[in-house]
N, C-alpha and C. Protein backbone atom coordinates (compact mmCIF):
# COMPACT_ATOMS: atom_id res chain seq x y z
N MET A 1 80.74 99.47 88.03
CA MET A 1 80.99 100.63 88.96
C MET A 1 81.86 100.38 90.15
N PHE A 2 81.51 99.32 90.82
CA PHE A 2 82.39 98.91 91.97
C PHE A 2 83.10 97.59 91.62
N GLN A 3 84.53 97.68 91.66
CA GLN A 3 85.32 96.55 91.42
C GLN A 3 85.91 95.89 92.75
N LYS A 4 85.98 96.77 93.70
CA LYS A 4 86.56 96.37 94.98
C LYS A 4 85.88 97.01 96.13
N ILE A 5 85.24 96.04 97.00
CA ILE A 5 84.44 96.51 98.12
C ILE A 5 85.02 95.86 99.38
N VAL A 6 85.00 96.76 100.43
CA VAL A 6 85.43 96.21 101.74
C VAL A 6 84.25 96.38 102.74
N VAL A 7 84.06 95.30 103.39
CA VAL A 7 82.90 95.24 104.43
C VAL A 7 83.57 94.95 105.75
N ALA A 8 83.28 95.66 106.80
CA ALA A 8 83.69 95.51 108.10
C ALA A 8 82.74 94.66 108.95
N ILE A 9 83.13 93.51 109.47
CA ILE A 9 82.26 92.71 110.30
C ILE A 9 82.83 92.56 111.73
N ASP A 10 81.91 92.54 112.67
CA ASP A 10 82.33 92.32 114.09
C ASP A 10 81.51 91.25 114.88
N GLY A 11 80.65 90.53 114.13
CA GLY A 11 79.96 89.38 114.79
C GLY A 11 78.60 89.89 115.29
N SER A 12 78.31 91.19 115.07
CA SER A 12 76.91 91.69 115.49
C SER A 12 75.92 91.44 114.44
N GLU A 13 74.69 91.76 114.81
CA GLU A 13 73.63 91.62 113.79
C GLU A 13 73.77 92.63 112.63
N MET A 14 74.22 93.79 112.99
CA MET A 14 74.43 94.80 111.93
C MET A 14 75.63 94.42 111.06
N GLY A 15 76.65 93.75 111.61
CA GLY A 15 77.79 93.19 110.80
C GLY A 15 77.28 92.24 109.84
N GLU A 16 76.46 91.39 110.27
CA GLU A 16 75.83 90.36 109.42
C GLU A 16 75.10 91.02 108.23
N LYS A 17 74.22 92.07 108.59
CA LYS A 17 73.50 92.80 107.53
C LYS A 17 74.40 93.44 106.58
N ALA A 18 75.52 94.01 107.10
CA ALA A 18 76.46 94.66 106.27
C ALA A 18 77.11 93.70 105.27
N LEU A 19 77.50 92.45 105.80
CA LEU A 19 78.06 91.44 104.84
C LEU A 19 77.10 91.13 103.85
N ALA A 20 75.72 90.85 104.29
CA ALA A 20 74.78 90.49 103.20
C ALA A 20 74.67 91.57 102.18
N ALA A 21 74.73 92.81 102.52
CA ALA A 21 74.60 93.89 101.51
C ALA A 21 75.82 93.94 100.57
N ALA A 22 77.01 93.77 101.24
CA ALA A 22 78.16 93.70 100.47
C ALA A 22 78.24 92.64 99.48
N LEU A 23 77.81 91.46 99.92
CA LEU A 23 77.81 90.22 99.04
C LEU A 23 76.81 90.43 97.86
N THR A 24 75.63 91.05 98.14
CA THR A 24 74.70 91.33 97.05
C THR A 24 75.28 92.22 96.08
N ILE A 25 75.84 93.29 96.59
CA ILE A 25 76.42 94.31 95.61
C ILE A 25 77.59 93.65 94.88
N GLY A 26 78.40 92.89 95.59
CA GLY A 26 79.54 92.25 94.96
C GLY A 26 79.20 91.30 93.88
N LYS A 27 78.10 90.57 94.12
CA LYS A 27 77.58 89.61 92.99
C LYS A 27 77.06 90.37 91.91
N GLU A 28 76.26 91.43 92.12
CA GLU A 28 75.69 92.18 91.08
C GLU A 28 76.71 92.83 90.17
N GLN A 29 77.83 93.30 90.83
CA GLN A 29 78.92 94.10 90.19
C GLN A 29 80.02 93.35 89.69
N LYS A 30 80.05 91.98 90.09
CA LYS A 30 81.09 91.07 89.84
C LYS A 30 82.38 91.64 90.43
N ALA A 31 82.27 92.10 91.74
CA ALA A 31 83.37 92.82 92.40
C ALA A 31 84.03 91.95 93.40
N GLU A 32 85.20 92.18 93.69
CA GLU A 32 85.98 91.46 94.89
C GLU A 32 85.47 92.16 96.07
N VAL A 33 85.16 91.17 97.12
CA VAL A 33 84.67 91.67 98.42
C VAL A 33 85.80 91.28 99.41
N ASN A 34 86.34 92.32 100.02
CA ASN A 34 87.33 92.19 101.12
C ASN A 34 86.54 92.26 102.47
N VAL A 35 86.61 91.16 103.20
CA VAL A 35 85.92 91.19 104.50
C VAL A 35 86.98 91.40 105.51
N LEU A 36 86.79 92.50 106.24
CA LEU A 36 87.66 93.00 107.26
C LEU A 36 87.14 92.88 108.65
N HIS A 37 87.94 92.23 109.53
CA HIS A 37 87.61 92.16 110.98
C HIS A 37 88.62 92.80 111.75
N ILE A 38 88.28 93.76 112.66
CA ILE A 38 89.24 94.48 113.44
C ILE A 38 89.17 93.93 114.91
N GLY A 39 90.19 93.17 115.23
CA GLY A 39 90.27 92.58 116.55
C GLY A 39 90.36 93.47 117.65
N LYS A 40 89.97 93.29 118.78
CA LYS A 40 90.02 94.23 119.88
C LYS A 40 91.41 93.98 120.47
N ASP A 41 92.09 95.15 120.72
CA ASP A 41 93.44 95.17 121.37
C ASP A 41 93.08 94.71 122.87
N VAL A 42 93.96 93.84 123.29
CA VAL A 42 93.81 93.54 124.81
C VAL A 42 94.45 94.58 125.54
N LEU A 43 93.59 95.38 126.36
CA LEU A 43 94.00 96.54 127.05
C LEU A 43 94.59 96.23 128.51
N VAL A 44 95.54 95.39 128.60
CA VAL A 44 96.23 95.00 129.73
C VAL A 44 97.79 95.09 129.54
N SER A 45 98.40 95.85 130.40
CA SER A 45 99.87 95.87 130.20
C SER A 45 100.45 94.52 130.61
N SER A 46 101.69 94.27 130.19
CA SER A 46 102.28 92.95 130.44
C SER A 46 102.19 92.41 131.82
N TYR A 47 102.29 93.36 132.72
CA TYR A 47 102.26 92.93 134.12
C TYR A 47 101.34 93.83 135.00
N ALA A 48 100.03 93.97 134.50
CA ALA A 48 99.14 94.81 135.12
C ALA A 48 98.67 94.14 136.41
N PHE A 49 98.35 95.03 137.39
CA PHE A 49 97.85 94.69 138.69
C PHE A 49 96.39 94.42 138.55
N VAL A 50 95.97 93.24 139.00
CA VAL A 50 94.54 92.94 138.90
C VAL A 50 94.18 92.27 140.25
N GLY A 51 93.34 92.85 141.10
CA GLY A 51 92.96 92.24 142.31
C GLY A 51 94.13 92.11 143.25
N ALA A 52 94.41 90.84 143.56
CA ALA A 52 95.51 90.60 144.50
C ALA A 52 96.80 90.02 143.64
N GLY A 53 96.73 90.07 142.37
CA GLY A 53 97.94 89.45 141.64
C GLY A 53 98.14 90.29 140.40
N TYR A 54 99.09 89.69 139.59
CA TYR A 54 99.44 90.34 138.34
C TYR A 54 99.08 89.36 137.13
N ILE A 55 98.81 90.02 136.03
CA ILE A 55 98.64 89.21 134.75
C ILE A 55 100.09 89.14 134.11
N ALA A 56 100.55 87.96 134.00
CA ALA A 56 101.88 87.70 133.35
C ALA A 56 101.80 87.86 131.88
N GLN A 57 102.89 88.04 131.25
CA GLN A 57 103.00 88.23 129.74
C GLN A 57 102.40 87.04 129.04
N GLN A 58 102.57 85.74 129.66
CA GLN A 58 102.01 84.62 128.95
C GLN A 58 100.41 84.57 128.90
N ALA A 59 99.83 85.16 130.04
CA ALA A 59 98.35 85.24 130.00
C ALA A 59 97.91 86.28 129.06
N TYR A 60 98.63 87.40 129.03
CA TYR A 60 98.23 88.48 128.00
C TYR A 60 98.37 87.85 126.50
N ASP A 61 99.45 87.13 126.28
CA ASP A 61 99.53 86.56 124.92
C ASP A 61 98.47 85.54 124.74
N GLU A 62 98.07 84.76 125.61
CA GLU A 62 97.05 83.77 125.49
C GLU A 62 95.74 84.38 125.19
N ILE A 63 95.43 85.57 125.87
CA ILE A 63 94.15 86.26 125.69
C ILE A 63 94.13 86.83 124.22
N SER A 64 95.29 87.41 123.78
CA SER A 64 95.38 88.01 122.50
C SER A 64 95.18 86.92 121.42
N GLU A 65 95.72 85.73 121.73
CA GLU A 65 95.62 84.62 120.72
C GLU A 65 94.03 84.16 120.62
N VAL A 66 93.46 84.10 121.72
CA VAL A 66 91.99 83.69 121.74
C VAL A 66 91.19 84.68 121.00
N VAL A 67 91.43 86.00 121.16
CA VAL A 67 90.73 87.08 120.41
C VAL A 67 91.05 86.93 118.95
N LYS A 68 92.22 86.63 118.57
CA LYS A 68 92.50 86.54 117.16
C LYS A 68 91.82 85.17 116.56
N LYS A 69 91.89 84.22 117.23
CA LYS A 69 91.22 82.98 116.77
C LYS A 69 89.69 83.18 116.51
N GLU A 70 89.11 83.98 117.46
CA GLU A 70 87.63 84.32 117.34
C GLU A 70 87.49 85.05 116.07
N GLY A 71 88.25 86.03 115.89
CA GLY A 71 88.11 87.01 114.75
C GLY A 71 88.32 86.11 113.41
N GLU A 72 89.31 85.26 113.41
CA GLU A 72 89.63 84.44 112.23
C GLU A 72 88.45 83.41 111.96
N ALA A 73 87.81 82.96 112.96
CA ALA A 73 86.70 82.09 112.81
C ALA A 73 85.53 82.79 112.23
N LEU A 74 85.29 84.06 112.63
CA LEU A 74 84.25 84.92 112.06
C LEU A 74 84.54 85.15 110.58
N LEU A 75 85.76 85.44 110.27
CA LEU A 75 86.19 85.68 108.89
C LEU A 75 85.98 84.43 108.08
N GLY A 76 86.45 83.36 108.58
CA GLY A 76 86.20 82.00 107.91
C GLY A 76 84.73 81.75 107.60
N LYS A 77 83.83 82.06 108.47
CA LYS A 77 82.36 81.90 108.31
C LYS A 77 81.89 82.71 107.06
N ALA A 78 82.37 84.04 107.22
CA ALA A 78 82.01 85.04 106.17
C ALA A 78 82.55 84.56 104.79
N LYS A 79 83.69 84.04 104.69
CA LYS A 79 84.25 83.55 103.42
C LYS A 79 83.42 82.41 102.85
N VAL A 80 82.99 81.50 103.78
CA VAL A 80 82.17 80.37 103.29
C VAL A 80 80.77 80.95 102.76
N THR A 81 80.22 81.87 103.50
CA THR A 81 79.02 82.53 103.07
C THR A 81 79.09 83.13 101.69
N ALA A 82 80.24 83.84 101.51
CA ALA A 82 80.42 84.52 100.21
C ALA A 82 80.56 83.48 99.09
N GLU A 83 81.42 82.51 99.32
CA GLU A 83 81.67 81.55 98.31
C GLU A 83 80.37 80.73 97.94
N SER A 84 79.46 80.52 98.89
CA SER A 84 78.15 79.79 98.68
C SER A 84 77.32 80.65 97.77
N GLN A 85 77.57 81.92 97.72
CA GLN A 85 76.81 82.92 96.83
C GLN A 85 77.58 83.24 95.55
N GLY A 86 78.70 82.62 95.36
CA GLY A 86 79.42 82.87 94.14
C GLY A 86 80.19 84.15 94.05
N VAL A 87 80.53 84.76 95.25
CA VAL A 87 81.31 85.96 95.36
C VAL A 87 82.74 85.66 95.80
N VAL A 88 83.72 86.22 95.11
CA VAL A 88 85.09 86.21 95.49
C VAL A 88 85.31 87.02 96.75
N ALA A 89 85.73 86.39 97.78
CA ALA A 89 85.94 87.14 99.05
C ALA A 89 87.32 86.96 99.58
N ILE A 90 87.95 87.90 100.07
CA ILE A 90 89.30 87.88 100.73
C ILE A 90 89.19 88.35 102.00
N THR A 91 89.71 87.57 103.00
CA THR A 91 89.50 87.97 104.43
C THR A 91 90.78 88.68 104.98
N HIS A 92 90.58 89.53 105.94
CA HIS A 92 91.70 90.25 106.53
C HIS A 92 91.42 90.54 108.01
N TYR A 93 92.46 90.18 108.83
CA TYR A 93 92.37 90.41 110.30
C TYR A 93 93.39 91.52 110.68
N VAL A 94 92.92 92.49 111.22
CA VAL A 94 93.90 93.55 111.76
C VAL A 94 93.38 93.98 113.17
N THR A 95 94.26 94.71 113.81
CA THR A 95 93.87 95.19 115.14
C THR A 95 94.11 96.75 115.16
N GLY A 96 93.45 97.40 116.13
CA GLY A 96 93.58 98.80 116.28
C GLY A 96 92.29 99.54 116.30
N ASP A 97 92.28 100.89 116.07
CA ASP A 97 91.05 101.66 116.08
C ASP A 97 90.29 101.19 114.81
N PRO A 98 89.01 100.71 115.01
CA PRO A 98 88.14 100.27 113.95
C PRO A 98 88.09 101.29 112.68
N ALA A 99 87.64 102.47 113.02
CA ALA A 99 87.39 103.48 112.00
C ALA A 99 88.74 103.71 111.30
N HIS A 100 89.82 103.98 111.93
CA HIS A 100 91.11 104.18 111.29
C HIS A 100 91.48 103.00 110.46
N GLN A 101 91.36 101.85 110.89
CA GLN A 101 91.78 100.63 110.17
C GLN A 101 90.97 100.50 108.90
N ILE A 102 89.65 100.69 109.01
CA ILE A 102 88.74 100.61 107.71
C ILE A 102 89.16 101.63 106.81
N VAL A 103 89.33 102.79 107.19
CA VAL A 103 89.68 103.88 106.22
C VAL A 103 91.07 103.62 105.52
N THR A 104 92.01 103.32 106.40
CA THR A 104 93.40 102.98 105.97
C THR A 104 93.35 101.86 104.95
N PHE A 105 92.66 100.84 105.27
CA PHE A 105 92.59 99.59 104.38
C PHE A 105 92.03 100.08 103.04
N ALA A 106 90.93 100.85 103.02
CA ALA A 106 90.25 101.29 101.84
C ALA A 106 91.26 102.19 100.90
N GLN A 107 92.02 103.03 101.68
CA GLN A 107 92.90 103.93 100.88
C GLN A 107 94.13 103.03 100.32
N GLU A 108 94.65 102.18 101.11
CA GLU A 108 95.86 101.38 100.70
C GLU A 108 95.50 100.31 99.62
N ASN A 109 94.14 99.97 99.54
CA ASN A 109 93.86 98.91 98.62
C ASN A 109 92.91 99.40 97.52
N ASN A 110 92.78 100.68 97.30
CA ASN A 110 92.10 101.33 96.24
C ASN A 110 90.62 100.75 96.15
N VAL A 111 89.93 100.78 97.36
CA VAL A 111 88.58 100.28 97.47
C VAL A 111 87.66 101.28 96.89
N ASP A 112 86.61 100.74 96.19
CA ASP A 112 85.59 101.64 95.54
C ASP A 112 84.34 101.79 96.42
N LEU A 113 84.12 100.98 97.48
CA LEU A 113 82.96 101.15 98.32
C LEU A 113 83.30 100.39 99.68
N ILE A 114 82.95 101.19 100.79
CA ILE A 114 83.09 100.65 102.09
C ILE A 114 81.64 100.32 102.56
N VAL A 115 81.33 99.09 103.06
CA VAL A 115 80.09 98.81 103.65
C VAL A 115 80.21 98.43 105.04
N ILE A 116 79.44 99.08 105.91
CA ILE A 116 79.57 98.94 107.41
C ILE A 116 78.16 99.01 108.06
N GLY A 117 77.97 98.33 109.07
CA GLY A 117 76.75 98.49 109.86
C GLY A 117 76.69 99.78 110.62
N ASN A 118 75.46 100.26 110.94
CA ASN A 118 75.47 101.46 111.66
C ASN A 118 75.72 101.38 113.14
N ARG A 119 75.63 100.19 113.71
CA ARG A 119 75.98 99.94 115.10
C ARG A 119 76.60 98.50 115.17
N GLY A 120 77.63 98.42 116.01
CA GLY A 120 78.22 97.08 116.19
C GLY A 120 78.05 96.66 117.63
N LEU A 121 79.11 96.06 118.24
CA LEU A 121 79.01 95.49 119.52
C LEU A 121 79.38 96.33 120.59
N SER A 122 79.81 97.60 120.24
CA SER A 122 80.44 98.40 121.28
C SER A 122 79.46 99.20 122.21
N GLY A 123 78.15 99.30 121.83
CA GLY A 123 77.10 99.86 122.64
C GLY A 123 77.46 101.29 123.28
N LEU A 124 77.45 101.35 124.62
CA LEU A 124 77.71 102.62 125.34
C LEU A 124 78.88 103.29 124.96
N LYS A 125 79.89 102.55 124.75
CA LYS A 125 81.29 103.07 124.36
C LYS A 125 81.07 103.82 123.01
N GLU A 126 80.34 103.27 122.11
CA GLU A 126 80.10 103.83 120.85
C GLU A 126 79.44 105.22 120.94
N VAL A 127 78.50 105.24 121.71
CA VAL A 127 77.71 106.48 121.93
C VAL A 127 78.53 107.44 122.50
N MET A 128 79.32 107.26 123.45
CA MET A 128 80.23 108.19 124.11
C MET A 128 81.39 108.68 123.19
N LEU A 129 82.01 107.82 122.41
CA LEU A 129 83.14 108.09 121.67
C LEU A 129 82.86 108.48 120.16
N GLY A 130 81.57 108.37 119.78
CA GLY A 130 81.20 108.53 118.32
C GLY A 130 81.24 107.23 117.57
N SER A 131 80.34 106.93 116.80
CA SER A 131 80.19 105.70 116.12
C SER A 131 81.26 105.58 115.11
N VAL A 132 81.70 104.30 114.96
CA VAL A 132 82.58 103.87 113.88
C VAL A 132 82.13 104.24 112.50
N SER A 133 80.85 103.94 112.27
CA SER A 133 80.28 104.23 110.92
C SER A 133 80.33 105.73 110.67
N HIS A 134 80.09 106.56 111.64
CA HIS A 134 80.13 108.11 111.44
C HIS A 134 81.59 108.51 111.13
N LYS A 135 82.51 108.01 111.88
CA LYS A 135 83.82 108.35 111.68
C LYS A 135 84.33 107.96 110.24
N VAL A 136 83.98 106.71 109.85
CA VAL A 136 84.39 106.22 108.60
C VAL A 136 83.80 107.05 107.48
N SER A 137 82.48 107.41 107.66
CA SER A 137 81.78 108.17 106.60
C SER A 137 82.44 109.54 106.51
N GLN A 138 82.94 110.07 107.54
CA GLN A 138 83.67 111.39 107.55
C GLN A 138 85.07 111.42 106.85
N LEU A 139 85.79 110.27 107.19
CA LEU A 139 87.24 110.09 106.79
C LEU A 139 87.39 109.49 105.46
N ALA A 140 86.56 108.68 105.02
CA ALA A 140 86.74 107.84 103.73
C ALA A 140 86.79 108.67 102.55
N GLU A 141 87.58 108.28 101.63
CA GLU A 141 87.66 109.06 100.33
C GLU A 141 86.79 108.35 99.19
N CYS A 142 86.23 107.27 99.57
CA CYS A 142 85.29 106.61 98.61
C CYS A 142 83.83 106.59 99.24
N PRO A 143 82.94 106.21 98.40
CA PRO A 143 81.57 106.04 99.05
C PRO A 143 81.44 105.05 100.12
N VAL A 144 80.61 105.35 101.13
CA VAL A 144 80.37 104.52 102.25
C VAL A 144 78.90 104.15 102.34
N LEU A 145 78.48 102.84 102.39
CA LEU A 145 77.18 102.46 102.61
C LEU A 145 77.04 102.03 104.03
N ILE A 146 76.21 102.75 104.81
CA ILE A 146 75.92 102.40 106.11
C ILE A 146 74.56 101.61 106.24
N VAL A 147 74.67 100.40 106.61
CA VAL A 147 73.59 99.52 106.65
C VAL A 147 72.83 99.53 107.93
N LYS A 148 71.45 99.82 107.95
CA LYS A 148 70.81 99.74 109.18
C LYS A 148 69.82 98.52 109.33
């Protein structure tokens, strides 16, 4: 039934549960599991005023690189977990709006199932702006499994 699954992870407990569910389904269905991490955009302009000084482009680039390395480490851990369970996993790191990136990835890669946790790391921001899982469930063209 499912040949291609995408699971979004963010390092939260719900992300871990979503990964576990995706791997279980992937193993049962002999499906390819795409593990997607959407890195946070660094919301600082190249020379933003902070306190008594400015953040130079080099500092901005360094922060962006640290965020990317953390995301890639999270993906690497997920890949090891998948392989230890005998599941083929492909990792992907992107940046941008999480809901949009998940839905776009699913559409562009002919995904049969999206697996996502019902809450991630965003807390109050998520409540105020609407949850990523809700947006994905509304916009996706394929089934969405929201893990609680």
